[in-house]
PDB file of N, CA and C in Angstrom:
ATOM      1  N   MET A   1      -4.453 -42.848 -10.830  1.00  0.00           N
ATOM      2  CA  MET A   1      -5.356 -41.746 -10.529  1.00  0.00           C
ATOM      3  C   MET A   1      -4.516 -40.512 -10.208  1.00  0.00           C
ATOM      4  N   LYS A   2      -4.810 -39.438 -10.931  1.00  0.00           N
ATOM      5  CA  LYS A   2      -4.061 -38.199 -10.727  1.00  0.00           C
ATOM      6  C   LYS A   2      -4.717 -37.349  -9.644  1.00  0.00           C
ATOM      7  N   SER A   3      -3.869 -36.602  -8.930  1.00  0.00           N
ATOM      8  CA  SER A   3      -4.393 -35.676  -7.934  1.00  0.00           C
ATOM      9  C   SER A   3      -4.890 -34.416  -8.647  1.00  0.00           C
ATOM     10  N   ILE A   4      -5.627 -33.599  -7.952  1.00  0.00           N
ATOM     11  CA  ILE A   4      -6.115 -32.337  -8.513  1.00  0.00           C
ATOM     12  C   ILE A   4      -4.935 -31.467  -8.929  1.00  0.00           C
ATOM     13  N   PHE A   5      -3.889 -31.486  -8.141  1.00  0.00           N
ATOM     14  CA  PHE A   5      -2.688 -30.705  -8.437  1.00  0.00           C
ATOM     15  C   PHE A   5      -2.078 -31.142  -9.766  1.00  0.00           C
ATOM     16  N   GLU A   6      -2.012 -32.442  -9.996  1.00  0.00           N
ATOM     17  CA  GLU A   6      -1.463 -32.965 -11.248  1.00  0.00           C
ATOM     18  C   GLU A   6      -2.384 -32.671 -12.425  1.00  0.00           C
ATOM     19  N   GLU A   7      -3.681 -32.716 -12.211  1.00  0.00           N
ATOM     20  CA  GLU A   7      -4.636 -32.400 -13.276  1.00  0.00           C
ATOM     21  C   GLU A   7      -4.521 -30.951 -13.708  1.00  0.00           C
ATOM     22  N   MET A   8      -4.129 -30.092 -12.795  1.00  0.00           N
ATOM     23  CA  MET A   8      -3.970 -28.665 -13.113  1.00  0.00           C
ATOM     24  C   MET A   8      -2.590 -28.371 -13.703  1.00  0.00           C
ATOM     25  N   GLY A   9      -1.774 -29.383 -13.900  1.00  0.00           N
ATOM     26  CA  GLY A   9      -0.472 -29.184 -14.513  1.00  0.00           C
ATOM     27  C   GLY A   9       0.672 -29.143 -13.530  1.00  0.00           C
ATOM     28  N   GLY A  10       0.430 -29.435 -12.285  1.00  0.00           N
ATOM     29  CA  GLY A  10       1.474 -29.414 -11.268  1.00  0.00           C
ATOM     30  C   GLY A  10       2.348 -30.657 -11.336  1.00  0.00           C
ATOM     31  N   THR A  11       3.559 -30.510 -10.875  1.00  0.00           N
ATOM     32  CA  THR A  11       4.499 -31.636 -10.858  1.00  0.00           C
ATOM     33  C   THR A  11       5.085 -31.787  -9.457  1.00  0.00           C
ATOM     34  N   TYR A  12       5.691 -32.952  -9.229  1.00  0.00           N
ATOM     35  CA  TYR A  12       6.306 -33.250  -7.943  1.00  0.00           C
ATOM     36  C   TYR A  12       7.771 -33.578  -8.140  1.00  0.00           C
ATOM     37  N   ARG A  13       8.551 -33.438  -7.077  1.00  0.00           N
ATOM     38  CA  ARG A  13       9.933 -33.904  -7.070  1.00  0.00           C
ATOM     39  C   ARG A  13      10.101 -34.793  -5.833  1.00  0.00           C
ATOM     40  N   ARG A  14      10.994 -35.741  -5.959  1.00  0.00           N
ATOM     41  CA  ARG A  14      11.205 -36.680  -4.859  1.00  0.00           C
ATOM     42  C   ARG A  14      12.313 -36.164  -3.948  1.00  0.00           C
ATOM     43  N   VAL A  15      12.014 -36.072  -2.669  1.00  0.00           N
ATOM     44  CA  VAL A  15      12.987 -35.671  -1.655  1.00  0.00           C
ATOM     45  C   VAL A  15      12.988 -36.770  -0.604  1.00  0.00           C
ATOM     46  N   GLY A  16      14.002 -37.622  -0.666  1.00  0.00           N
ATOM     47  CA  GLY A  16      14.044 -38.767   0.254  1.00  0.00           C
ATOM     48  C   GLY A  16      12.904 -39.716  -0.065  1.00  0.00           C
ATOM     49  N   ASP A  17      12.042 -39.950   0.910  1.00  0.00           N
ATOM     50  CA  ASP A  17      10.894 -40.834   0.718  1.00  0.00           C
ATOM     51  C   ASP A  17       9.612 -40.070   0.403  1.00  0.00           C
ATOM     52  N   TYR A  18       9.698 -38.770   0.211  1.00  0.00           N
ATOM     53  CA  TYR A  18       8.513 -37.940   0.039  1.00  0.00           C
ATOM     54  C   TYR A  18       8.471 -37.310  -1.341  1.00  0.00           C
ATOM     55  N   PHE A  19       7.272 -37.059  -1.813  1.00  0.00           N
ATOM     56  CA  PHE A  19       7.070 -36.295  -3.035  1.00  0.00           C
ATOM     57  C   PHE A  19       6.615 -34.896  -2.635  1.00  0.00           C
ATOM     58  N   VAL A  20       7.383 -33.898  -3.056  1.00  0.00           N
ATOM     59  CA  VAL A  20       7.111 -32.505  -2.704  1.00  0.00           C
ATOM     60  C   VAL A  20       6.672 -31.768  -3.962  1.00  0.00           C
ATOM     61  N   PRO A  21       5.569 -30.991  -3.902  1.00  0.00           N
ATOM     62  CA  PRO A  21       5.135 -30.269  -5.104  1.00  0.00           C
ATOM     63  C   PRO A  21       6.154 -29.205  -5.512  1.00  0.00           C
ATOM     64  N   ASN A  22       6.329 -29.028  -6.801  1.00  0.00           N
ATOM     65  CA  ASN A  22       7.219 -28.000  -7.336  1.00  0.00           C
ATOM     66  C   ASN A  22       6.438 -26.689  -7.417  1.00  0.00           C
ATOM     67  N   LEU A  23       6.522 -25.928  -6.375  1.00  0.00           N
ATOM     68  CA  LEU A  23       5.821 -24.646  -6.312  1.00  0.00           C
ATOM     69  C   LEU A  23       6.818 -23.522  -6.526  1.00  0.00           C
ATOM     70  N   VAL A  24       6.431 -22.546  -7.330  1.00  0.00           N
ATOM     71  CA  VAL A  24       7.285 -21.405  -7.625  1.00  0.00           C
ATOM     72  C   VAL A  24       6.454 -20.143  -7.445  1.00  0.00           C
ATOM     73  N   LEU A  25       7.007 -19.173  -6.726  1.00  0.00           N
ATOM     74  CA  LEU A  25       6.326 -17.898  -6.566  1.00  0.00           C
ATOM     75  C   LEU A  25       6.378 -17.123  -7.868  1.00  0.00           C
ATOM     76  N   PRO A  26       5.359 -16.302  -8.143  1.00  0.00           N
ATOM     77  CA  PRO A  26       5.394 -15.515  -9.370  1.00  0.00           C
ATOM     78  C   PRO A  26       6.564 -14.542  -9.350  1.00  0.00           C
ATOM     79  N   ASP A  27       7.051 -14.223 -10.538  1.00  0.00           N
ATOM     80  CA  ASP A  27       8.168 -13.299 -10.667  1.00  0.00           C
ATOM     81  C   ASP A  27       7.713 -11.910 -10.237  1.00  0.00           C
ATOM     82  N   THR A  28       8.353 -11.367  -9.224  1.00  0.00           N
ATOM     83  CA  THR A  28       7.986 -10.041  -8.732  1.00  0.00           C
ATOM     84  C   THR A  28       9.173  -9.110  -8.833  1.00  0.00           C
ATOM     85  N   GLU A  29       8.849  -7.854  -9.041  1.00  0.00           N
ATOM     86  CA  GLU A  29       9.885  -6.837  -9.071  1.00  0.00           C
ATOM     87  C   GLU A  29      10.183  -6.395  -7.650  1.00  0.00           C
ATOM     88  N   ASN A  30      11.167  -5.540  -7.507  1.00  0.00           N
ATOM     89  CA  ASN A  30      11.534  -5.031  -6.198  1.00  0.00           C
ATOM     90  C   ASN A  30      10.652  -3.825  -5.878  1.00  0.00           C
ATOM     91  N   TYR A  31       9.572  -4.048  -5.164  1.00  0.00           N
ATOM     92  CA  TYR A  31       8.649  -2.974  -4.807  1.00  0.00           C
ATOM     93  C   TYR A  31       9.109  -2.313  -3.520  1.00  0.00           C
ATOM     94  N   GLN A  32       9.015  -1.007  -3.476  1.00  0.00           N
ATOM     95  CA  GLN A  32       9.322  -0.257  -2.268  1.00  0.00           C
ATOM     96  C   GLN A  32       8.003   0.108  -1.587  1.00  0.00           C
ATOM     97  N   ILE A  33       7.778  -0.439  -0.428  1.00  0.00           N
ATOM     98  CA  ILE A  33       6.544  -0.191   0.306  1.00  0.00           C
ATOM     99  C   ILE A  33       6.801   0.928   1.304  1.00  0.00           C
ATOM    100  N   GLY A  34       6.033   2.001   1.197  1.00  0.00           N
ATOM    101  CA  GLY A  34       6.197   3.146   2.074  1.00  0.00           C
ATOM    102  C   GLY A  34       5.224   3.116   3.248  1.00  0.00           C
ATOM    103  N   LYS A  35       5.043   4.265   3.856  1.00  0.00           N
ATOM    104  CA  LYS A  35       4.221   4.412   5.058  1.00  0.00           C
ATOM    105  C   LYS A  35       2.787   3.931   4.831  1.00  0.00           C
ATOM    106  N   TYR A  36       2.160   4.396   3.754  1.00  0.00           N
ATOM    107  CA  TYR A  36       0.757   4.059   3.515  1.00  0.00           C
ATOM    108  C   TYR A  36       0.584   2.604   3.107  1.00  0.00           C
ATOM    109  N   GLY A  37       1.559   2.032   2.415  1.00  0.00           N
ATOM    110  CA  GLY A  37       1.516   0.613   2.074  1.00  0.00           C
ATOM    111  C   GLY A  37       1.595  -0.263   3.320  1.00  0.00           C
ATOM    112  N   ARG A  38       2.459   0.136   4.248  1.00  0.00           N
ATOM    113  CA  ARG A  38       2.569  -0.622   5.503  1.00  0.00           C
ATOM    114  C   ARG A  38       1.299  -0.485   6.338  1.00  0.00           C
ATOM    115  N   MET A  39       0.704   0.695   6.321  1.00  0.00           N
ATOM    116  CA  MET A  39      -0.550   0.883   7.051  1.00  0.00           C
ATOM    117  C   MET A  39      -1.657   0.025   6.445  1.00  0.00           C
ATOM    118  N   ARG A  40      -1.692  -0.051   5.111  1.00  0.00           N
ATOM    119  CA  ARG A  40      -2.684  -0.877   4.423  1.00  0.00           C
ATOM    120  C   ARG A  40      -2.491  -2.349   4.779  1.00  0.00           C
ATOM    121  N   ARG A  41      -1.226  -2.804   4.805  1.00  0.00           N
ATOM    122  CA  ARG A  41      -0.950  -4.196   5.157  1.00  0.00           C
ATOM    123  C   ARG A  41      -1.449  -4.505   6.567  1.00  0.00           C
ATOM    124  N   SER A  42      -1.189  -3.608   7.512  1.00  0.00           N
ATOM    125  CA  SER A  42      -1.652  -3.818   8.894  1.00  0.00           C
ATOM    126  C   SER A  42      -3.173  -3.870   8.950  1.00  0.00           C
ATOM    127  N   TYR A  43      -3.814  -2.969   8.205  1.00  0.00           N
ATOM    128  CA  TYR A  43      -5.282  -2.956   8.180  1.00  0.00           C
ATOM    129  C   TYR A  43      -5.833  -4.258   7.616  1.00  0.00           C
ATOM    130  N   LEU A  44      -5.277  -4.704   6.488  1.00  0.00           N
ATOM    131  CA  LEU A  44      -5.749  -5.951   5.880  1.00  0.00           C
ATOM    132  C   LEU A  44      -5.523  -7.130   6.810  1.00  0.00           C
ATOM    133  N   LYS A  45      -4.380  -7.169   7.467  1.00  0.00           N
ATOM    134  CA  LYS A  45      -4.028  -8.279   8.347  1.00  0.00           C
ATOM    135  C   LYS A  45      -4.965  -8.365   9.546  1.00  0.00           C
ATOM    136  N   GLU A  46      -5.356  -7.211  10.082  1.00  0.00           N
ATOM    137  CA  GLU A  46      -6.177  -7.194  11.292  1.00  0.00           C
ATOM    138  C   GLU A  46      -7.676  -7.228  11.016  1.00  0.00           C
ATOM    139  N   HIS A  47      -8.120  -6.548   9.944  1.00  0.00           N
ATOM    140  CA  HIS A  47      -9.555  -6.366   9.752  1.00  0.00           C
ATOM    141  C   HIS A  47     -10.119  -7.047   8.508  1.00  0.00           C
ATOM    142  N   ARG A  48      -9.289  -7.370   7.537  1.00  0.00           N
ATOM    143  CA  ARG A  48      -9.759  -8.011   6.305  1.00  0.00           C
ATOM    144  C   ARG A  48      -8.897  -9.244   6.032  1.00  0.00           C
ATOM    145  N   LYS A  49      -8.959 -10.204   6.940  1.00  0.00           N
ATOM    146  CA  LYS A  49      -8.062 -11.356   6.912  1.00  0.00           C
ATOM    147  C   LYS A  49      -8.193 -12.192   5.639  1.00  0.00           C
ATOM    148  N   ILE A  50      -9.402 -12.367   5.149  1.00  0.00           N
ATOM    149  CA  ILE A  50      -9.595 -13.187   3.949  1.00  0.00           C
ATOM    150  C   ILE A  50      -8.981 -12.498   2.735  1.00  0.00           C
ATOM    151  N   LEU A  51      -9.207 -11.197   2.604  1.00  0.00           N
ATOM    152  CA  LEU A  51      -8.624 -10.453   1.487  1.00  0.00           C
ATOM    153  C   LEU A  51      -7.099 -10.481   1.564  1.00  0.00           C
ATOM    154  N   TYR A  52      -6.561 -10.320   2.760  1.00  0.00           N
ATOM    155  CA  TYR A  52      -5.111 -10.392   2.957  1.00  0.00           C
ATOM    156  C   TYR A  52      -4.575 -11.761   2.531  1.00  0.00           C
ATOM    157  N   THR A  53      -5.240 -12.810   2.960  1.00  0.00           N
ATOM    158  CA  THR A  53      -4.820 -14.161   2.612  1.00  0.00           C
ATOM    159  C   THR A  53      -4.886 -14.388   1.104  1.00  0.00           C
ATOM    160  N   ASN A  54      -5.930 -13.879   0.471  1.00  0.00           N
ATOM    161  CA  ASN A  54      -6.047 -14.027  -0.981  1.00  0.00           C
ATOM    162  C   ASN A  54      -4.886 -13.339  -1.697  1.00  0.00           C
ATOM    163  N   TYR A  55      -4.535 -12.127  -1.271  1.00  0.00           N
ATOM    164  CA  TYR A  55      -3.405 -11.428  -1.882  1.00  0.00           C
ATOM    165  C   TYR A  55      -2.107 -12.206  -1.696  1.00  0.00           C
ATOM    166  N   VAL A  56      -1.926 -12.773  -0.512  1.00  0.00           N
ATOM    167  CA  VAL A  56      -0.703 -13.536  -0.242  1.00  0.00           C
ATOM    168  C   VAL A  56      -0.671 -14.786  -1.108  1.00  0.00           C
ATOM    169  N   MET A  57      -1.773 -15.504  -1.184  1.00  0.00           N
ATOM    170  CA  MET A  57      -1.816 -16.750  -1.942  1.00  0.00           C
ATOM    171  C   MET A  57      -1.652 -16.513  -3.440  1.00  0.00           C
ATOM    172  N   GLU A  58      -2.166 -15.392  -3.951  1.00  0.00           N
ATOM    173  CA  GLU A  58      -2.032 -15.065  -5.370  1.00  0.00           C
ATOM    174  C   GLU A  58      -0.660 -14.479  -5.685  1.00  0.00           C
ATOM    175  N   GLY A  59       0.055 -14.063  -4.650  1.00  0.00           N
ATOM    176  CA  GLY A  59       1.369 -13.462  -4.852  1.00  0.00           C
ATOM    177  C   GLY A  59       1.302 -12.018  -5.294  1.00  0.00           C
ATOM    178  N   THR A  60       0.187 -11.344  -5.019  1.00  0.00           N
ATOM    179  CA  THR A  60       0.011  -9.965  -5.465  1.00  0.00           C
ATOM    180  C   THR A  60      -0.011  -8.961  -4.322  1.00  0.00           C
ATOM    181  N   LEU A  61       0.317  -9.407  -3.116  1.00  0.00           N
ATOM    182  CA  LEU A  61       0.237  -8.507  -1.964  1.00  0.00           C
ATOM    183  C   LEU A  61       1.162  -7.311  -2.104  1.00  0.00           C
ATOM    184  N   PHE A  62       2.420  -7.546  -2.428  1.00  0.00           N
ATOM    185  CA  PHE A  62       3.365  -6.442  -2.487  1.00  0.00           C
ATOM    186  C   PHE A  62       3.060  -5.486  -3.633  1.00  0.00           C
ATOM    187  N   MET A  63       2.560  -6.022  -4.742  1.00  0.00           N
ATOM    188  CA  MET A  63       2.171  -5.154  -5.853  1.00  0.00           C
ATOM    189  C   MET A  63       0.984  -4.278  -5.435  1.00  0.00           C
ATOM    190  N   HIS A  64       0.023  -4.866  -4.727  1.00  0.00           N
ATOM    191  CA  HIS A  64      -1.131  -4.111  -4.236  1.00  0.00           C
ATOM    192  C   HIS A  64      -0.696  -3.016  -3.261  1.00  0.00           C
ATOM    193  N   LEU A  65       0.196  -3.361  -2.340  1.00  0.00           N
ATOM    194  CA  LEU A  65       0.664  -2.387  -1.355  1.00  0.00           C
ATOM    195  C   LEU A  65       1.443  -1.254  -2.015  1.00  0.00           C
ATOM    196  N   ALA A  66       2.230  -1.571  -3.031  1.00  0.00           N
ATOM    197  CA  ALA A  66       2.966  -0.537  -3.750  1.00  0.00           C
ATOM    198  C   ALA A  66       2.012   0.401  -4.484  1.00  0.00           C
ATOM    199  N   GLU A  67       0.960  -0.158  -5.079  1.00  0.00           N
ATOM    200  CA  GLU A  67      -0.037   0.673  -5.768  1.00  0.00           C
ATOM    201  C   GLU A  67      -0.755   1.590  -4.788  1.00  0.00           C
ATOM    202  N   ILE A  68      -1.126   1.052  -3.643  1.00  0.00           N
ATOM    203  CA  ILE A  68      -1.802   1.860  -2.619  1.00  0.00           C
ATOM    204  C   ILE A  68      -0.892   2.978  -2.147  1.00  0.00           C
ATOM    205  N   ASP A  69       0.366   2.659  -1.879  1.00  0.00           N
ATOM    206  CA  ASP A  69       1.318   3.654  -1.407  1.00  0.00           C
ATOM    207  C   ASP A  69       1.511   4.762  -2.434  1.00  0.00           C
ATOM    208  N   GLN A  70       1.652   4.386  -3.689  1.00  0.00           N
ATOM    209  CA  GLN A  70       1.838   5.374  -4.753  1.00  0.00           C
ATOM    210  C   GLN A  70       0.596   6.247  -4.904  1.00  0.00           C
ATOM    211  N   ALA A  71      -0.585   5.634  -4.877  1.00  0.00           N
ATOM    212  CA  ALA A  71      -1.831   6.402  -4.997  1.00  0.00           C
ATOM    213  C   ALA A  71      -1.991   7.378  -3.836  1.00  0.00           C
ATOM    214  N   CYS A  72      -1.659   6.941  -2.636  1.00  0.00           N
ATOM    215  CA  CYS A  72      -1.776   7.809  -1.462  1.00  0.00           C
ATOM    216  C   CYS A  72      -0.821   8.996  -1.558  1.00  0.00           C
ATOM    217  N   ASN A  73       0.423   8.746  -1.967  1.00  0.00           N
ATOM    218  CA  ASN A  73       1.391   9.839  -2.077  1.00  0.00           C
ATOM    219  C   ASN A  73       0.972  10.851  -3.145  1.00  0.00           C
ATOM    220  N   GLU A  74       0.481  10.368  -4.285  1.00  0.00           N
ATOM    221  CA  GLU A  74       0.025  11.280  -5.329  1.00  0.00           C
ATOM    222  C   GLU A  74      -1.177  12.096  -4.868  1.00  0.00           C
ATOM    223  N   ARG A  75      -2.128  11.422  -4.236  1.00  0.00           N
ATOM    224  CA  ARG A  75      -3.340  12.112  -3.744  1.00  0.00           C
ATOM    225  C   ARG A  75      -2.978  13.121  -2.655  1.00  0.00           C
ATOM    226  N   MET A  76      -2.016  12.781  -1.816  1.00  0.00           N
ATOM    227  CA  MET A  76      -1.580  13.676  -0.742  1.00  0.00           C
ATOM    228  C   MET A  76      -1.027  14.973  -1.325  1.00  0.00           C
ATOM    229  N   GLU A  77      -0.182  14.874  -2.345  1.00  0.00           N
ATOM    230  CA  GLU A  77       0.375  16.075  -2.977  1.00  0.00           C
ATOM    231  C   GLU A  77      -0.721  16.953  -3.549  1.00  0.00           C
ATOM    232  N   ILE A  78      -1.692  16.345  -4.198  1.00  0.00           N
ATOM    233  CA  ILE A  78      -2.793  17.102  -4.807  1.00  0.00           C
ATOM    234  C   ILE A  78      -3.609  17.815  -3.734  1.00  0.00           C
ATOM    235  N   ILE A  79      -3.968  17.098  -2.685  1.00  0.00           N
ATOM    236  CA  ILE A  79      -4.814  17.681  -1.630  1.00  0.00           C
ATOM    237  C   ILE A  79      -4.073  18.788  -0.895  1.00  0.00           C
ATOM    238  N   VAL A  80      -2.823  18.549  -0.526  1.00  0.00           N
ATOM    239  CA  VAL A  80      -2.064  19.560   0.219  1.00  0.00           C
ATOM    240  C   VAL A  80      -1.899  20.822  -0.610  1.00  0.00           C
ATOM    241  N   SER A  81      -1.553  20.690  -1.877  1.00  0.00           N
ATOM    242  CA  SER A  81      -1.372  21.895  -2.700  1.00  0.00           C
ATOM    243  C   SER A  81      -2.681  22.636  -2.903  1.00  0.00           C
ATOM    244  N   ALA A  82      -3.782  21.910  -3.081  1.00  0.00           N
ATOM    245  CA  ALA A  82      -5.085  22.558  -3.253  1.00  0.00           C
ATOM    246  C   ALA A  82      -5.521  23.271  -1.979  1.00  0.00           C
ATOM    247  N   MET A  83      -5.342  22.631  -0.833  1.00  0.00           N
ATOM    248  CA  MET A  83      -5.738  23.261   0.430  1.00  0.00           C
ATOM    249  C   MET A  83      -4.857  24.469   0.743  1.00  0.00           C
ATOM    250  N   ALA A  84      -3.572  24.351   0.466  1.00  0.00           N
ATOM    251  CA  ALA A  84      -2.673  25.476   0.724  1.00  0.00           C
ATOM    252  C   ALA A  84      -3.051  26.671  -0.153  1.00  0.00           C
ATOM    253  N   LYS A  85      -3.370  26.416  -1.384  1.00  0.00           N
ATOM    254  CA  LYS A  85      -3.777  27.493  -2.294  1.00  0.00           C
ATOM    255  C   LYS A  85      -5.082  28.117  -1.820  1.00  0.00           C
ATOM    256  N   GLN A  86      -6.034  27.281  -1.421  1.00  0.00           N
ATOM    257  CA  GLN A  86      -7.340  27.761  -0.979  1.00  0.00           C
ATOM    258  C   GLN A  86      -7.239  28.582   0.309  1.00  0.00           C
ATOM    259  N   GLU A  87      -6.345  28.204   1.207  1.00  0.00           N
ATOM    260  CA  GLU A  87      -6.220  28.886   2.489  1.00  0.00           C
ATOM    261  C   GLU A  87      -5.176  29.998   2.476  1.00  0.00           C
ATOM    262  N   GLY A  88      -4.567  30.218   1.338  1.00  0.00           N
ATOM    263  CA  GLY A  88      -3.620  31.319   1.210  1.00  0.00           C
ATOM    264  C   GLY A  88      -2.273  31.086   1.872  1.00  0.00           C
ATOM    265  N   VAL A  89      -1.846  29.843   1.956  1.00  0.00           N
ATOM    266  CA  VAL A  89      -0.541  29.519   2.524  1.00  0.00           C
ATOM    267  C   VAL A  89       0.463  29.562   1.371  1.00  0.00           C
ATOM    268  N   THR A  90       1.230  30.657   1.308  1.00  0.00           N
ATOM    269  CA  THR A  90       2.127  30.888   0.187  1.00  0.00           C
ATOM    270  C   THR A  90       3.561  31.083   0.674  1.00  0.00           C
ATOM    271  N   GLU A  91       4.447  31.242  -0.297  1.00  0.00           N
ATOM    272  CA  GLU A  91       5.844  31.507   0.027  1.00  0.00           C
ATOM    273  C   GLU A  91       5.994  32.884   0.678  1.00  0.00           C
ATOM    274  N   ALA A  92       5.083  33.811   0.342  1.00  0.00           N
ATOM    275  CA  ALA A  92       5.120  35.133   0.971  1.00  0.00           C
ATOM    276  C   ALA A  92       4.852  35.016   2.464  1.00  0.00           C
ATOM    277  N   LEU A  93       3.887  34.185   2.837  1.00  0.00           N
ATOM    278  CA  LEU A  93       3.602  33.956   4.259  1.00  0.00           C
ATOM    279  C   LEU A  93       4.807  33.288   4.923  1.00  0.00           C
ATOM    280  N   LYS A  94       5.443  32.363   4.225  1.00  0.00           N
ATOM    281  CA  LYS A  94       6.611  31.676   4.766  1.00  0.00           C
ATOM    282  C   LYS A  94       7.739  32.676   5.044  1.00  0.00           C
ATOM    283  N   ALA A  95       7.921  33.651   4.155  1.00  0.00           N
ATOM    284  CA  ALA A  95       8.972  34.654   4.341  1.00  0.00           C
ATOM    285  C   ALA A  95       8.612  35.626   5.461  1.00  0.00           C
ATOM    286  N   ALA A  96       7.328  35.936   5.600  1.00  0.00           N
ATOM    287  CA  ALA A  96       6.897  36.920   6.594  1.00  0.00           C
ATOM    288  C   ALA A  96       6.804  36.327   8.006  1.00  0.00           C
ATOM    289  N   ASP A  97       6.208  35.145   8.135  1.00  0.00           N
ATOM    290  CA  ASP A  97       5.979  34.553   9.455  1.00  0.00           C
ATOM    291  C   ASP A  97       6.144  33.033   9.353  1.00  0.00           C
ATOM    292  N   GLN A  98       7.332  32.557   9.606  1.00  0.00           N
ATOM    293  CA  GLN A  98       7.631  31.142   9.416  1.00  0.00           C
ATOM    294  C   GLN A  98       6.830  30.234  10.346  1.00  0.00           C
ATOM    295  N   MET A  99       6.685  30.640  11.590  1.00  0.00           N
ATOM    296  CA  MET A  99       5.950  29.799  12.548  1.00  0.00           C
ATOM    297  C   MET A  99       4.485  29.664  12.167  1.00  0.00           C
ATOM    298  N   GLU A 100       3.869  30.711  11.682  1.00  0.00           N
ATOM    299  CA  GLU A 100       2.483  30.651  11.222  1.00  0.00           C
ATOM    300  C   GLU A 100       2.371  29.741  10.001  1.00  0.00           C
ATOM    301  N   TRP A 101       3.349  29.851   9.098  1.00  0.00           N
ATOM    302  CA  TRP A 101       3.355  29.017   7.898  1.00  0.00           C
ATOM    303  C   TRP A 101       3.466  27.538   8.285  1.00  0.00           C
ATOM    304  N   VAL A 102       4.368  27.213   9.216  1.00  0.00           N
ATOM    305  CA  VAL A 102       4.544  25.827   9.661  1.00  0.00           C
ATOM    306  C   VAL A 102       3.272  25.320  10.328  1.00  0.00           C
ATOM    307  N   ARG A 103       2.647  26.142  11.149  1.00  0.00           N
ATOM    308  CA  ARG A 103       1.398  25.745  11.818  1.00  0.00           C
ATOM    309  C   ARG A 103       0.327  25.410  10.793  1.00  0.00           C
ATOM    310  N   ARG A 104       0.167  26.260   9.810  1.00  0.00           N
ATOM    311  CA  ARG A 104      -0.868  26.041   8.788  1.00  0.00           C
ATOM    312  C   ARG A 104      -0.567  24.830   7.914  1.00  0.00           C
ATOM    313  N   ILE A 105       0.679  24.686   7.508  1.00  0.00           N
ATOM    314  CA  ILE A 105       1.053  23.537   6.662  1.00  0.00           C
ATOM    315  C   ILE A 105       0.860  22.230   7.429  1.00  0.00           C
ATOM    316  N   ASN A 106       1.230  22.201   8.702  1.00  0.00           N
ATOM    317  CA  ASN A 106       1.015  20.995   9.509  1.00  0.00           C
ATOM    318  C   ASN A 106      -0.468  20.677   9.642  1.00  0.00           C
ATOM    319  N   SER A 107      -1.273  21.690   9.823  1.00  0.00           N
ATOM    320  CA  SER A 107      -2.713  21.493   9.909  1.00  0.00           C
ATOM    321  C   SER A 107      -3.261  20.927   8.597  1.00  0.00           C
ATOM    322  N   ILE A 108      -2.820  21.496   7.487  1.00  0.00           N
ATOM    323  CA  ILE A 108      -3.258  21.015   6.176  1.00  0.00           C
ATOM    324  C   ILE A 108      -2.805  19.575   5.962  1.00  0.00           C
ATOM    325  N   HIS A 109      -1.566  19.294   6.308  1.00  0.00           N
ATOM    326  CA  HIS A 109      -1.023  17.942   6.130  1.00  0.00           C
ATOM    327  C   HIS A 109      -1.810  16.920   6.947  1.00  0.00           C
ATOM    328  N   ASN A 110      -2.132  17.263   8.179  1.00  0.00           N
ATOM    329  CA  ASN A 110      -2.884  16.337   9.037  1.00  0.00           C
ATOM    330  C   ASN A 110      -4.285  16.090   8.497  1.00  0.00           C
ATOM    331  N   ARG A 111      -4.947  17.141   8.033  1.00  0.00           N
ATOM    332  CA  ARG A 111      -6.292  16.970   7.471  1.00  0.00           C
ATOM    333  C   ARG A 111      -6.244  16.155   6.187  1.00  0.00           C
ATOM    334  N   ALA A 112      -5.247  16.408   5.352  1.00  0.00           N
ATOM    335  CA  ALA A 112      -5.118  15.659   4.102  1.00  0.00           C
ATOM    336  C   ALA A 112      -4.844  14.183   4.386  1.00  0.00           C
ATOM    337  N   GLU A 113      -4.023  13.911   5.391  1.00  0.00           N
ATOM    338  CA  GLU A 113      -3.726  12.528   5.735  1.00  0.00           C
ATOM    339  C   GLU A 113      -4.966  11.797   6.231  1.00  0.00           C
ATOM    340  N   GLU A 114      -5.818  12.462   6.988  1.00  0.00           N
ATOM    341  CA  GLU A 114      -7.067  11.847   7.430  1.00  0.00           C
ATOM    342  C   GLU A 114      -7.943  11.482   6.231  1.00  0.00           C
ATOM    343  N   ILE A 115      -7.978  12.356   5.243  1.00  0.00           N
ATOM    344  CA  ILE A 115      -8.748  12.075   4.032  1.00  0.00           C
ATOM    345  C   ILE A 115      -8.180  10.852   3.322  1.00  0.00           C
ATOM    346  N   ILE A 116      -6.866  10.814   3.174  1.00  0.00           N
ATOM    347  CA  ILE A 116      -6.198   9.702   2.488  1.00  0.00           C
ATOM    348  C   ILE A 116      -6.464   8.387   3.210  1.00  0.00           C
ATOM    349  N   LEU A 117      -6.327   8.392   4.508  1.00  0.00           N
ATOM    350  CA  LEU A 117      -6.528   7.159   5.272  1.00  0.00           C
ATOM    351  C   LEU A 117      -7.958   6.651   5.140  1.00  0.00           C
ATOM    352  N   THR A 118      -8.913   7.572   5.186  1.00  0.00           N
ATOM    353  CA  THR A 118     -10.317   7.170   5.100  1.00  0.00           C
ATOM    354  C   THR A 118     -10.677   6.689   3.697  1.00  0.00           C
ATOM    355  N   GLU A 119     -10.221   7.414   2.670  1.00  0.00           N
ATOM    356  CA  GLU A 119     -10.626   7.102   1.299  1.00  0.00           C
ATOM    357  C   GLU A 119      -9.884   5.907   0.697  1.00  0.00           C
ATOM    358  N   ILE A 120      -8.607   5.760   1.017  1.00  0.00           N
ATOM    359  CA  ILE A 120      -7.800   4.763   0.309  1.00  0.00           C
ATOM    360  C   ILE A 120      -7.328   3.636   1.216  1.00  0.00           C
ATOM    361  N   VAL A 121      -6.655   3.967   2.298  1.00  0.00           N
ATOM    362  CA  VAL A 121      -5.996   2.940   3.101  1.00  0.00           C
ATOM    363  C   VAL A 121      -7.017   2.049   3.827  1.00  0.00           C
ATOM    364  N   TYR A 122      -8.025   2.634   4.440  1.00  0.00           N
ATOM    365  CA  TYR A 122      -8.977   1.863   5.229  1.00  0.00           C
ATOM    366  C   TYR A 122     -10.277   1.604   4.484  1.00  0.00           C
ATOM    367  N   ALA A 123     -10.216   1.599   3.165  1.00  0.00           N
ATOM    368  CA  ALA A 123     -11.443   1.340   2.377  1.00  0.00           C
ATOM    369  C   ALA A 123     -11.516  -0.108   1.981  1.00  0.00           C
TER     370      ALA A 123
END
């Protein structure tokens, strides 16, 4: 009588007196997980435990986190540049009043990050 694992094509190897399944993780590339990917992982771990477990068991967690991180960084650039253009934060302002430019850019960056976190990371 075969086990379910054997029926699905799995094999075993003998280690001492025990039979251990031959499990191999899927081939993964070297993904670089940034700030938003790490935030997504923490969110999944704390609030979406089943989804987190599914990603881990399928071996797709790091690929998912890399995609989220890349999407967040791209969206952040788009939002910040659009808001800066809309609010008139230009290089001319930077040359004229650096502290005002820094204040406005920080404000734009913080608002854009809130949008990113709500739309992508915590969705």
